[in-house]
């Protein structure tokens, strides 16, 4: 019984990601790759939105914040609508940007 519990405990621990996403690192990536359109604090850049004739969502909004991490990762990696994929954001950087976007929640 004891061996079973130890085995289950170890199996459970190995399913936890080794490194959590880093919102601070995500902010640095966001500042380089995202803020020109999405603004310093997630508030859309009205000039870019008007020029591109698009509605850029406020990243602090309940609409964006209610999306799953997987949905936000997909938008970053694959783009959506007129938004092109953020090609410079890859690997763990995507998770870090998602963590930063989560930190913007109103």
PDB file of N, CA and C in Angstrom:
ATOM      1  N   UNK A   1       0.832  -1.196   0.000  1.00  0.00           N
ATOM      2  CA  UNK A   1       0.000   0.000   0.000  1.00  0.00           C
ATOM      3  C   UNK A   1       0.871   1.252   0.000  1.00  0.00           C
ATOM      4  N   UNK A   2       1.896   1.249   0.827  1.00  0.00           N
ATOM      5  CA  UNK A   2       2.786   2.401   0.928  1.00  0.00           C
ATOM      6  C   UNK A   2       3.488   2.659  -0.406  1.00  0.00           C
ATOM      7  N   UNK A   3       3.948   1.591  -1.049  1.00  0.00           N
ATOM      8  CA  UNK A   3       4.615   1.709  -2.341  1.00  0.00           C
ATOM      9  C   UNK A   3       3.656   2.279  -3.388  1.00  0.00           C
ATOM     10  N   UNK A   4       2.418   1.884  -3.352  1.00  0.00           N
ATOM     11  CA  UNK A   4       1.415   2.388  -4.287  1.00  0.00           C
ATOM     12  C   UNK A   4       1.220   3.887  -4.105  1.00  0.00           C
ATOM     13  N   UNK A   5       1.114   4.331  -2.865  1.00  0.00           N
ATOM     14  CA  UNK A   5       0.927   5.750  -2.592  1.00  0.00           C
ATOM     15  C   UNK A   5       2.127   6.571  -3.034  1.00  0.00           C
ATOM     16  N   UNK A   6       3.314   6.065  -2.800  1.00  0.00           N
ATOM     17  CA  UNK A   6       4.532   6.764  -3.218  1.00  0.00           C
ATOM     18  C   UNK A   6       4.580   6.857  -4.739  1.00  0.00           C
ATOM     19  N   UNK A   7       4.255   5.778  -5.411  1.00  0.00           N
ATOM     20  CA  UNK A   7       4.252   5.750  -6.866  1.00  0.00           C
ATOM     21  C   UNK A   7       3.237   6.752  -7.417  1.00  0.00           C
ATOM     22  N   UNK A   8       2.038   6.796  -6.840  1.00  0.00           N
ATOM     23  CA  UNK A   8       1.017   7.744  -7.283  1.00  0.00           C
ATOM     24  C   UNK A   8       1.453   9.190  -7.038  1.00  0.00           C
ATOM     25  N   UNK A   9       2.094   9.421  -5.910  1.00  0.00           N
ATOM     26  CA  UNK A   9       2.574  10.770  -5.590  1.00  0.00           C
ATOM     27  C   UNK A   9       3.625  11.218  -6.595  1.00  0.00           C
ATOM     28  N   UNK A  10       4.547  10.345  -6.925  1.00  0.00           N
ATOM     29  CA  UNK A  10       5.594  10.684  -7.896  1.00  0.00           C
ATOM     30  C   UNK A  10       4.986  10.903  -9.272  1.00  0.00           C
ATOM     31  N   UNK A  11       4.058  10.076  -9.661  1.00  0.00           N
ATOM     32  CA  UNK A  11       3.400  10.222 -10.959  1.00  0.00           C
ATOM     33  C   UNK A  11       2.655  11.548 -11.031  1.00  0.00           C
ATOM     34  N   UNK A  12       2.020  11.932  -9.936  1.00  0.00           N
ATOM     35  CA  UNK A  12       1.312  13.207  -9.897  1.00  0.00           C
ATOM     36  C   UNK A  12       2.245  14.386 -10.004  1.00  0.00           C
ATOM     37  N   UNK A  13       3.381  14.313  -9.396  1.00  0.00           N
ATOM     38  CA  UNK A  13       4.352  15.404  -9.439  1.00  0.00           C
ATOM     39  C   UNK A  13       4.965  15.571 -10.816  1.00  0.00           C
ATOM     40  N   UNK A  14       5.148  14.477 -11.529  1.00  0.00           N
ATOM     41  CA  UNK A  14       5.765  14.576 -12.843  1.00  0.00           C
ATOM     42  C   UNK A  14       4.826  15.198 -13.865  1.00  0.00           C
ATOM     43  N   UNK A  15       3.534  15.256 -13.581  1.00  0.00           N
ATOM     44  CA  UNK A  15       2.605  15.865 -14.523  1.00  0.00           C
ATOM     45  C   UNK A  15       2.541  17.380 -14.346  1.00  0.00           C
ATOM     46  N   UNK A  16       3.167  17.912 -13.305  1.00  0.00           N
ATOM     47  CA  UNK A  16       3.209  19.347 -13.073  1.00  0.00           C
ATOM     48  C   UNK A  16       4.339  19.930 -13.916  1.00  0.00           C
ATOM     49  N   UNK A  17       4.050  21.032 -14.643  1.00  0.00           N
ATOM     50  CA  UNK A  17       5.124  21.622 -15.447  1.00  0.00           C
ATOM     51  C   UNK A  17       6.327  21.988 -14.588  1.00  0.00           C
ATOM     52  N   UNK A  18       7.512  21.767 -15.113  1.00  0.00           N
ATOM     53  CA  UNK A  18       8.729  22.013 -14.358  1.00  0.00           C
ATOM     54  C   UNK A  18       8.937  23.505 -14.107  1.00  0.00           C
ATOM     55  N   UNK A  19       8.572  24.343 -15.077  1.00  0.00           N
ATOM     56  CA  UNK A  19       8.772  25.771 -14.943  1.00  0.00           C
ATOM     57  C   UNK A  19       7.457  26.476 -15.285  1.00  0.00           C
ATOM     58  N   UNK A  20       6.998  27.308 -14.372  1.00  0.00           N
ATOM     59  CA  UNK A  20       5.770  28.047 -14.611  1.00  0.00           C
ATOM     60  C   UNK A  20       6.055  29.220 -15.542  1.00  0.00           C
ATOM     61  N   UNK A  21       5.020  29.668 -16.223  1.00  0.00           N
ATOM     62  CA  UNK A  21       5.156  30.820 -17.103  1.00  0.00           C
ATOM     63  C   UNK A  21       5.538  32.043 -16.276  1.00  0.00           C
ATOM     64  N   UNK A  22       6.294  32.935 -16.876  1.00  0.00           N
ATOM     65  CA  UNK A  22       6.837  34.110 -16.196  1.00  0.00           C
ATOM     66  C   UNK A  22       6.236  35.381 -16.797  1.00  0.00           C
ATOM     67  N   UNK A  23       5.336  36.028 -16.059  1.00  0.00           N
ATOM     68  CA  UNK A  23       4.667  37.230 -16.555  1.00  0.00           C
ATOM     69  C   UNK A  23       5.652  38.366 -16.807  1.00  0.00           C
ATOM     70  N   UNK A  24       6.690  38.463 -15.996  1.00  0.00           N
ATOM     71  CA  UNK A  24       7.679  39.535 -16.184  1.00  0.00           C
ATOM     72  C   UNK A  24       8.438  39.330 -17.501  1.00  0.00           C
ATOM     73  N   UNK A  25       8.850  38.096 -17.768  1.00  0.00           N
ATOM     74  CA  UNK A  25       9.497  37.790 -19.046  1.00  0.00           C
ATOM     75  C   UNK A  25       8.509  38.016 -20.189  1.00  0.00           C
ATOM     76  N   UNK A  26       7.249  37.662 -19.943  1.00  0.00           N
ATOM     77  CA  UNK A  26       6.202  37.872 -20.940  1.00  0.00           C
ATOM     78  C   UNK A  26       6.020  39.339 -21.277  1.00  0.00           C
ATOM     79  N   UNK A  27       6.154  40.207 -20.273  1.00  0.00           N
ATOM     80  CA  UNK A  27       6.025  41.642 -20.521  1.00  0.00           C
ATOM     81  C   UNK A  27       7.130  42.133 -21.448  1.00  0.00           C
ATOM     82  N   UNK A  28       8.339  41.653 -21.250  1.00  0.00           N
ATOM     83  CA  UNK A  28       9.456  42.054 -22.112  1.00  0.00           C
ATOM     84  C   UNK A  28       9.197  41.623 -23.556  1.00  0.00           C
ATOM     85  N   UNK A  29       8.694  40.424 -23.735  1.00  0.00           N
ATOM     86  CA  UNK A  29       8.383  39.924 -25.081  1.00  0.00           C
ATOM     87  C   UNK A  29       7.232  40.733 -25.667  1.00  0.00           C
ATOM     88  N   UNK A  30       6.198  40.960 -24.851  1.00  0.00           N
ATOM     89  CA  UNK A  30       5.032  41.749 -25.271  1.00  0.00           C
ATOM     90  C   UNK A  30       5.476  43.132 -25.729  1.00  0.00           C
ATOM     91  N   UNK A  31       6.357  43.768 -24.954  1.00  0.00           N
ATOM     92  CA  UNK A  31       6.831  45.110 -25.297  1.00  0.00           C
ATOM     93  C   UNK A  31       7.512  45.140 -26.662  1.00  0.00           C
ATOM     94  N   UNK A  32       8.221  44.081 -27.013  1.00  0.00           N
ATOM     95  CA  UNK A  32       8.916  44.016 -28.306  1.00  0.00           C
ATOM     96  C   UNK A  32       7.984  43.642 -29.460  1.00  0.00           C
ATOM     97  N   UNK A  33       7.035  42.742 -29.184  1.00  0.00           N
ATOM     98  CA  UNK A  33       6.282  42.133 -30.280  1.00  0.00           C
ATOM     99  C   UNK A  33       4.804  42.493 -30.361  1.00  0.00           C
ATOM    100  N   UNK A  34       4.237  43.061 -29.307  1.00  0.00           N
ATOM    101  CA  UNK A  34       2.783  43.213 -29.266  1.00  0.00           C
ATOM    102  C   UNK A  34       2.298  44.631 -28.995  1.00  0.00           C
ATOM    103  N   UNK A  35       3.063  45.399 -28.241  1.00  0.00           N
ATOM    104  CA  UNK A  35       2.532  46.667 -27.738  1.00  0.00           C
ATOM    105  C   UNK A  35       2.277  47.716 -28.811  1.00  0.00           C
ATOM    106  N   UNK A  36       2.918  47.602 -29.971  1.00  0.00           N
ATOM    107  CA  UNK A  36       2.667  48.608 -31.008  1.00  0.00           C
ATOM    108  C   UNK A  36       1.195  48.599 -31.443  1.00  0.00           C
ATOM    109  N   UNK A  37       0.553  47.451 -31.400  1.00  0.00           N
ATOM    110  CA  UNK A  37      -0.874  47.355 -31.751  1.00  0.00           C
ATOM    111  C   UNK A  37      -1.765  47.282 -30.507  1.00  0.00           C
ATOM    112  N   UNK A  38      -1.322  46.529 -29.513  1.00  0.00           N
ATOM    113  CA  UNK A  38      -2.157  46.269 -28.338  1.00  0.00           C
ATOM    114  C   UNK A  38      -1.920  47.236 -27.192  1.00  0.00           C
ATOM    115  N   UNK A  39      -1.034  48.200 -27.372  1.00  0.00           N
ATOM    116  CA  UNK A  39      -0.816  49.225 -26.371  1.00  0.00           C
ATOM    117  C   UNK A  39       0.030  48.762 -25.210  1.00  0.00           C
ATOM    118  N   UNK A  40       0.541  49.726 -24.473  1.00  0.00           N
ATOM    119  CA  UNK A  40       1.435  49.456 -23.353  1.00  0.00           C
ATOM    120  C   UNK A  40       0.776  48.586 -22.294  1.00  0.00           C
ATOM    121  N   UNK A  41      -0.498  48.843 -22.029  1.00  0.00           N
ATOM    122  CA  UNK A  41      -1.193  48.124 -20.954  1.00  0.00           C
ATOM    123  C   UNK A  41      -2.332  47.246 -21.453  1.00  0.00           C
ATOM    124  N   UNK A  42      -2.307  46.908 -22.731  1.00  0.00           N
ATOM    125  CA  UNK A  42      -3.354  46.055 -23.294  1.00  0.00           C
ATOM    126  C   UNK A  42      -4.494  46.835 -23.915  1.00  0.00           C
ATOM    127  N   UNK A  43      -4.470  48.170 -23.775  1.00  0.00           N
ATOM    128  CA  UNK A  43      -5.477  49.018 -24.394  1.00  0.00           C
ATOM    129  C   UNK A  43      -5.093  49.225 -25.854  1.00  0.00           C
ATOM    130  N   UNK A  44      -5.992  48.910 -26.783  1.00  0.00           N
ATOM    131  CA  UNK A  44      -5.650  48.972 -28.203  1.00  0.00           C
ATOM    132  C   UNK A  44      -5.134  50.330 -28.651  1.00  0.00           C
ATOM    133  N   UNK A  45      -4.198  50.302 -29.600  1.00  0.00           N
ATOM    134  CA  UNK A  45      -3.685  51.507 -30.225  1.00  0.00           C
ATOM    135  C   UNK A  45      -4.717  51.942 -31.263  1.00  0.00           C
ATOM    136  N   UNK A  46      -5.434  53.018 -30.959  1.00  0.00           N
ATOM    137  CA  UNK A  46      -6.535  53.472 -31.816  1.00  0.00           C
ATOM    138  C   UNK A  46      -6.048  53.834 -33.222  1.00  0.00           C
ATOM    139  N   UNK A  47      -4.864  54.405 -33.333  1.00  0.00           N
ATOM    140  CA  UNK A  47      -4.327  54.770 -34.636  1.00  0.00           C
ATOM    141  C   UNK A  47      -4.096  53.560 -35.525  1.00  0.00           C
ATOM    142  N   UNK A  48      -3.539  52.508 -34.956  1.00  0.00           N
ATOM    143  CA  UNK A  48      -3.292  51.273 -35.716  1.00  0.00           C
ATOM    144  C   UNK A  48      -4.624  50.638 -36.102  1.00  0.00           C
ATOM    145  N   UNK A  49      -5.569  50.601 -35.163  1.00  0.00           N
ATOM    146  CA  UNK A  49      -6.881  50.005 -35.439  1.00  0.00           C
ATOM    147  C   UNK A  49      -7.576  50.735 -36.586  1.00  0.00           C
ATOM    148  N   UNK A  50      -7.513  52.068 -36.573  1.00  0.00           N
ATOM    149  CA  UNK A  50      -8.144  52.864 -37.624  1.00  0.00           C
ATOM    150  C   UNK A  50      -7.448  52.635 -38.963  1.00  0.00           C
ATOM    151  N   UNK A  51      -6.110  52.654 -38.956  1.00  0.00           N
ATOM    152  CA  UNK A  51      -5.349  52.472 -40.182  1.00  0.00           C
ATOM    153  C   UNK A  51      -5.627  51.103 -40.815  1.00  0.00           C
ATOM    154  N   UNK A  52      -5.715  50.067 -39.976  1.00  0.00           N
ATOM    155  CA  UNK A  52      -5.933  48.711 -40.485  1.00  0.00           C
ATOM    156  C   UNK A  52      -7.413  48.370 -40.652  1.00  0.00           C
ATOM    157  N   UNK A  53      -8.276  49.304 -40.215  1.00  0.00           N
ATOM    158  CA  UNK A  53      -9.735  49.107 -40.289  1.00  0.00           C
ATOM    159  C   UNK A  53     -10.152  47.822 -39.573  1.00  0.00           C
ATOM    160  N   UNK A  54      -9.667  47.705 -38.324  1.00  0.00           N
ATOM    161  CA  UNK A  54     -10.003  46.545 -37.498  1.00  0.00           C
ATOM    162  C   UNK A  54     -10.404  47.008 -36.099  1.00  0.00           C
ATOM    163  N   UNK A  55     -11.073  46.137 -35.412  1.00  0.00           N
ATOM    164  CA  UNK A  55     -11.405  46.361 -34.015  1.00  0.00           C
ATOM    165  C   UNK A  55     -10.432  45.525 -33.188  1.00  0.00           C
ATOM    166  N   UNK A  56      -9.493  46.184 -32.523  1.00  0.00           N
ATOM    167  CA  UNK A  56      -8.524  45.473 -31.686  1.00  0.00           C
ATOM    168  C   UNK A  56      -9.113  45.380 -30.283  1.00  0.00           C
ATOM    169  N   UNK A  57      -9.172  44.189 -29.746  1.00  0.00           N
ATOM    170  CA  UNK A  57      -9.762  43.988 -28.421  1.00  0.00           C
ATOM    171  C   UNK A  57      -8.844  44.472 -27.309  1.00  0.00           C
ATOM    172  N   UNK A  58      -9.460  45.009 -26.285  1.00  0.00           N
ATOM    173  CA  UNK A  58      -8.735  45.401 -25.080  1.00  0.00           C
ATOM    174  C   UNK A  58      -8.348  44.109 -24.352  1.00  0.00           C
ATOM    175  N   UNK A  59      -7.064  43.893 -24.145  1.00  0.00           N
ATOM    176  CA  UNK A  59      -6.601  42.645 -23.531  1.00  0.00           C
ATOM    177  C   UNK A  59      -7.004  42.519 -22.066  1.00  0.00           C
ATOM    178  N   UNK A  60      -7.437  43.617 -21.457  1.00  0.00           N
ATOM    179  CA  UNK A  60      -7.894  43.586 -20.068  1.00  0.00           C
ATOM    180  C   UNK A  60      -9.368  43.208 -19.967  1.00  0.00           C
ATOM    181  N   UNK A  61     -10.062  43.218 -21.081  1.00  0.00           N
ATOM    182  CA  UNK A  61     -11.514  43.014 -21.082  1.00  0.00           C
ATOM    183  C   UNK A  61     -11.899  41.599 -20.654  1.00  0.00           C
ATOM    184  N   UNK A  62     -13.115  41.492 -20.157  1.00  0.00           N
ATOM    185  CA  UNK A  62     -13.651  40.186 -19.748  1.00  0.00           C
ATOM    186  C   UNK A  62     -13.709  39.238 -20.945  1.00  0.00           C
ATOM    187  N   UNK A  63     -13.966  39.790 -22.132  1.00  0.00           N
ATOM    188  CA  UNK A  63     -14.042  38.978 -23.347  1.00  0.00           C
ATOM    189  C   UNK A  63     -12.721  38.254 -23.615  1.00  0.00           C
ATOM    190  N   UNK A  64     -11.626  38.972 -23.510  1.00  0.00           N
ATOM    191  CA  UNK A  64     -10.310  38.361 -23.740  1.00  0.00           C
ATOM    192  C   UNK A  64      -9.917  37.491 -22.553  1.00  0.00           C
ATOM    193  N   UNK A  65     -10.108  37.989 -21.351  1.00  0.00           N
ATOM    194  CA  UNK A  65      -9.691  37.269 -20.153  1.00  0.00           C
ATOM    195  C   UNK A  65     -10.472  35.967 -19.949  1.00  0.00           C
ATOM    196  N   UNK A  66     -11.669  35.872 -20.529  1.00  0.00           N
ATOM    197  CA  UNK A  66     -12.455  34.641 -20.380  1.00  0.00           C
ATOM    198  C   UNK A  66     -11.998  33.533 -21.330  1.00  0.00           C
ATOM    199  N   UNK A  67     -11.150  33.871 -22.296  1.00  0.00           N
ATOM    200  CA  UNK A  67     -10.642  32.850 -23.213  1.00  0.00           C
ATOM    201  C   UNK A  67      -9.653  31.952 -22.478  1.00  0.00           C
ATOM    202  N   UNK A  68      -9.558  30.729 -22.933  1.00  0.00           N
ATOM    203  CA  UNK A  68      -8.608  29.792 -22.318  1.00  0.00           C
ATOM    204  C   UNK A  68      -7.180  30.177 -22.715  1.00  0.00           C
ATOM    205  N   UNK A  69      -6.228  29.708 -21.919  1.00  0.00           N
ATOM    206  CA  UNK A  69      -4.821  29.927 -22.265  1.00  0.00           C
ATOM    207  C   UNK A  69      -4.519  29.349 -23.644  1.00  0.00           C
ATOM    208  N   UNK A  70      -5.086  28.194 -23.930  1.00  0.00           N
ATOM    209  CA  UNK A  70      -4.860  27.556 -25.231  1.00  0.00           C
ATOM    210  C   UNK A  70      -5.378  28.435 -26.368  1.00  0.00           C
ATOM    211  N   UNK A  71      -6.526  29.080 -26.166  1.00  0.00           N
ATOM    212  CA  UNK A  71      -7.070  29.964 -27.196  1.00  0.00           C
ATOM    213  C   UNK A  71      -6.155  31.161 -27.429  1.00  0.00           C
ATOM    214  N   UNK A  72      -5.658  31.752 -26.342  1.00  0.00           N
ATOM    215  CA  UNK A  72      -4.772  32.909 -26.474  1.00  0.00           C
ATOM    216  C   UNK A  72      -3.447  32.490 -27.129  1.00  0.00           C
ATOM    217  N   UNK A  73      -2.933  31.333 -26.741  1.00  0.00           N
ATOM    218  CA  UNK A  73      -1.702  30.828 -27.371  1.00  0.00           C
ATOM    219  C   UNK A  73      -1.899  30.651 -28.879  1.00  0.00           C
ATOM    220  N   UNK A  74      -3.050  30.127 -29.258  1.00  0.00           N
ATOM    221  CA  UNK A  74      -3.336  29.891 -30.671  1.00  0.00           C
ATOM    222  C   UNK A  74      -3.371  31.210 -31.440  1.00  0.00           C
ATOM    223  N   UNK A  75      -3.975  32.233 -30.849  1.00  0.00           N
ATOM    224  CA  UNK A  75      -4.036  33.533 -31.506  1.00  0.00           C
ATOM    225  C   UNK A  75      -2.629  34.107 -31.670  1.00  0.00           C
ATOM    226  N   UNK A  76      -1.803  33.985 -30.629  1.00  0.00           N
ATOM    227  CA  UNK A  76      -0.425  34.481 -30.712  1.00  0.00           C
ATOM    228  C   UNK A  76       0.340  33.729 -31.799  1.00  0.00           C
ATOM    229  N   UNK A  77       0.204  32.413 -31.814  1.00  0.00           N
ATOM    230  CA  UNK A  77       0.991  31.564 -32.710  1.00  0.00           C
ATOM    231  C   UNK A  77       0.477  31.516 -34.141  1.00  0.00           C
ATOM    232  N   UNK A  78      -0.850  31.619 -34.311  1.00  0.00           N
ATOM    233  CA  UNK A  78      -1.436  31.454 -35.639  1.00  0.00           C
ATOM    234  C   UNK A  78      -2.081  32.716 -36.193  1.00  0.00           C
ATOM    235  N   UNK A  79      -2.269  33.720 -35.331  1.00  0.00           N
ATOM    236  CA  UNK A  79      -2.947  34.933 -35.749  1.00  0.00           C
ATOM    237  C   UNK A  79      -4.455  34.740 -35.712  1.00  0.00           C
ATOM    238  N   UNK A  80      -5.163  35.836 -35.998  1.00  0.00           N
ATOM    239  CA  UNK A  80      -6.634  35.776 -36.043  1.00  0.00           C
ATOM    240  C   UNK A  80      -7.114  36.993 -36.810  1.00  0.00           C
ATOM    241  N   UNK A  81      -7.971  36.766 -37.795  1.00  0.00           N
ATOM    242  CA  UNK A  81      -8.438  37.871 -38.614  1.00  0.00           C
ATOM    243  C   UNK A  81      -7.265  38.514 -39.337  1.00  0.00           C
ATOM    244  N   UNK A  82      -7.154  39.844 -39.227  1.00  0.00           N
ATOM    245  CA  UNK A  82      -6.044  40.549 -39.871  1.00  0.00           C
ATOM    246  C   UNK A  82      -4.753  40.469 -39.075  1.00  0.00           C
ATOM    247  N   UNK A  83      -4.836  39.975 -37.840  1.00  0.00           N
ATOM    248  CA  UNK A  83      -3.624  39.850 -37.024  1.00  0.00           C
ATOM    249  C   UNK A  83      -2.796  38.678 -37.535  1.00  0.00           C
ATOM    250  N   UNK A  84      -1.565  38.965 -37.876  1.00  0.00           N
ATOM    251  CA  UNK A  84      -0.634  37.936 -38.324  1.00  0.00           C
ATOM    252  C   UNK A  84      -0.078  37.195 -37.100  1.00  0.00           C
ATOM    253  N   UNK A  85       0.400  35.981 -37.281  1.00  0.00           N
ATOM    254  CA  UNK A  85       1.049  35.289 -36.158  1.00  0.00           C
ATOM    255  C   UNK A  85       2.240  36.106 -35.657  1.00  0.00           C
ATOM    256  N   UNK A  86       2.461  36.066 -34.366  1.00  0.00           N
ATOM    257  CA  UNK A  86       3.632  36.744 -33.787  1.00  0.00           C
ATOM    258  C   UNK A  86       4.812  35.795 -33.926  1.00  0.00           C
ATOM    259  N   UNK A  87       5.441  35.809 -35.090  1.00  0.00           N
ATOM    260  CA  UNK A  87       6.499  34.856 -35.428  1.00  0.00           C
ATOM    261  C   UNK A  87       7.691  34.928 -34.479  1.00  0.00           C
ATOM    262  N   UNK A  88       7.907  36.091 -33.892  1.00  0.00           N
ATOM    263  CA  UNK A  88       9.055  36.238 -32.991  1.00  0.00           C
ATOM    264  C   UNK A  88       8.771  35.704 -31.588  1.00  0.00           C
ATOM    265  N   UNK A  89       7.530  35.307 -31.350  1.00  0.00           N
ATOM    266  CA  UNK A  89       7.157  34.766 -30.038  1.00  0.00           C
ATOM    267  C   UNK A  89       6.991  33.251 -30.189  1.00  0.00           C
ATOM    268  N   UNK A  90       7.918  32.502 -29.601  1.00  0.00           N
ATOM    269  CA  UNK A  90       7.907  31.046 -29.766  1.00  0.00           C
ATOM    270  C   UNK A  90       8.161  30.346 -28.438  1.00  0.00           C
ATOM    271  N   UNK A  91       7.923  29.051 -28.427  1.00  0.00           N
ATOM    272  CA  UNK A  91       8.228  28.206 -27.271  1.00  0.00           C
ATOM    273  C   UNK A  91       7.645  28.720 -25.979  1.00  0.00           C
ATOM    274  N   UNK A  92       8.478  28.739 -24.952  1.00  0.00           N
ATOM    275  CA  UNK A  92       8.041  29.182 -23.629  1.00  0.00           C
ATOM    276  C   UNK A  92       7.658  30.653 -23.638  1.00  0.00           C
ATOM    277  N   UNK A  93       8.149  31.411 -24.617  1.00  0.00           N
ATOM    278  CA  UNK A  93       7.789  32.819 -24.726  1.00  0.00           C
ATOM    279  C   UNK A  93       6.297  33.020 -24.912  1.00  0.00           C
ATOM    280  N   UNK A  94       5.651  32.102 -25.607  1.00  0.00           N
ATOM    281  CA  UNK A  94       4.194  32.189 -25.789  1.00  0.00           C
ATOM    282  C   UNK A  94       3.505  32.062 -24.434  1.00  0.00           C
ATOM    283  N   UNK A  95       3.933  31.094 -23.638  1.00  0.00           N
ATOM    284  CA  UNK A  95       3.355  30.919 -22.296  1.00  0.00           C
ATOM    285  C   UNK A  95       3.598  32.156 -21.440  1.00  0.00           C
ATOM    286  N   UNK A  96       4.775  32.750 -21.566  1.00  0.00           N
ATOM    287  CA  UNK A  96       5.108  33.939 -20.791  1.00  0.00           C
ATOM    288  C   UNK A  96       4.218  35.120 -21.191  1.00  0.00           C
ATOM    289  N   UNK A  97       3.963  35.274 -22.488  1.00  0.00           N
ATOM    290  CA  UNK A  97       3.084  36.357 -22.938  1.00  0.00           C
ATOM    291  C   UNK A  97       1.664  36.121 -22.431  1.00  0.00           C
ATOM    292  N   UNK A  98       1.199  34.882 -22.464  1.00  0.00           N
ATOM    293  CA  UNK A  98      -0.128  34.578 -21.926  1.00  0.00           C
ATOM    294  C   UNK A  98      -0.178  34.950 -20.442  1.00  0.00           C
ATOM    295  N   UNK A  99       0.860  34.610 -19.699  1.00  0.00           N
ATOM    296  CA  UNK A  99       0.908  34.968 -18.273  1.00  0.00           C
ATOM    297  C   UNK A  99       0.855  36.480 -18.100  1.00  0.00           C
ATOM    298  N   UNK A 100       1.541  37.225 -18.962  1.00  0.00           N
ATOM    299  CA  UNK A 100       1.501  38.678 -18.884  1.00  0.00           C
ATOM    300  C   UNK A 100       0.103  39.195 -19.207  1.00  0.00           C
ATOM    301  N   UNK A 101      -0.521  38.669 -20.253  1.00  0.00           N
ATOM    302  CA  UNK A 101      -1.879  39.082 -20.606  1.00  0.00           C
ATOM    303  C   UNK A 101      -2.823  38.826 -19.429  1.00  0.00           C
ATOM    304  N   UNK A 102      -2.657  37.692 -18.764  1.00  0.00           N
ATOM    305  CA  UNK A 102      -3.476  37.390 -17.588  1.00  0.00           C
ATOM    306  C   UNK A 102      -3.265  38.418 -16.476  1.00  0.00           C
ATOM    307  N   UNK A 103      -2.045  38.947 -16.362  1.00  0.00           N
ATOM    308  CA  UNK A 103      -1.748  39.923 -15.315  1.00  0.00           C
ATOM    309  C   UNK A 103      -2.416  41.273 -15.581  1.00  0.00           C
ATOM    310  N   UNK A 104      -2.914  41.490 -16.792  1.00  0.00           N
ATOM    311  CA  UNK A 104      -3.569  42.739 -17.145  1.00  0.00           C
ATOM    312  C   UNK A 104      -5.037  42.781 -16.718  1.00  0.00           C
ATOM    313  N   UNK A 105      -5.551  41.662 -16.281  1.00  0.00           N
ATOM    314  CA  UNK A 105      -6.971  41.540 -15.948  1.00  0.00           C
ATOM    315  C   UNK A 105      -7.440  42.703 -15.091  1.00  0.00           C
ATOM    316  N   UNK A 106      -8.585  43.263 -15.460  1.00  0.00           N
ATOM    317  CA  UNK A 106      -9.168  44.404 -14.733  1.00  0.00           C
ATOM    318  C   UNK A 106      -9.583  44.005 -13.338  1.00  0.00           C
TER     319      UNK A 106
END
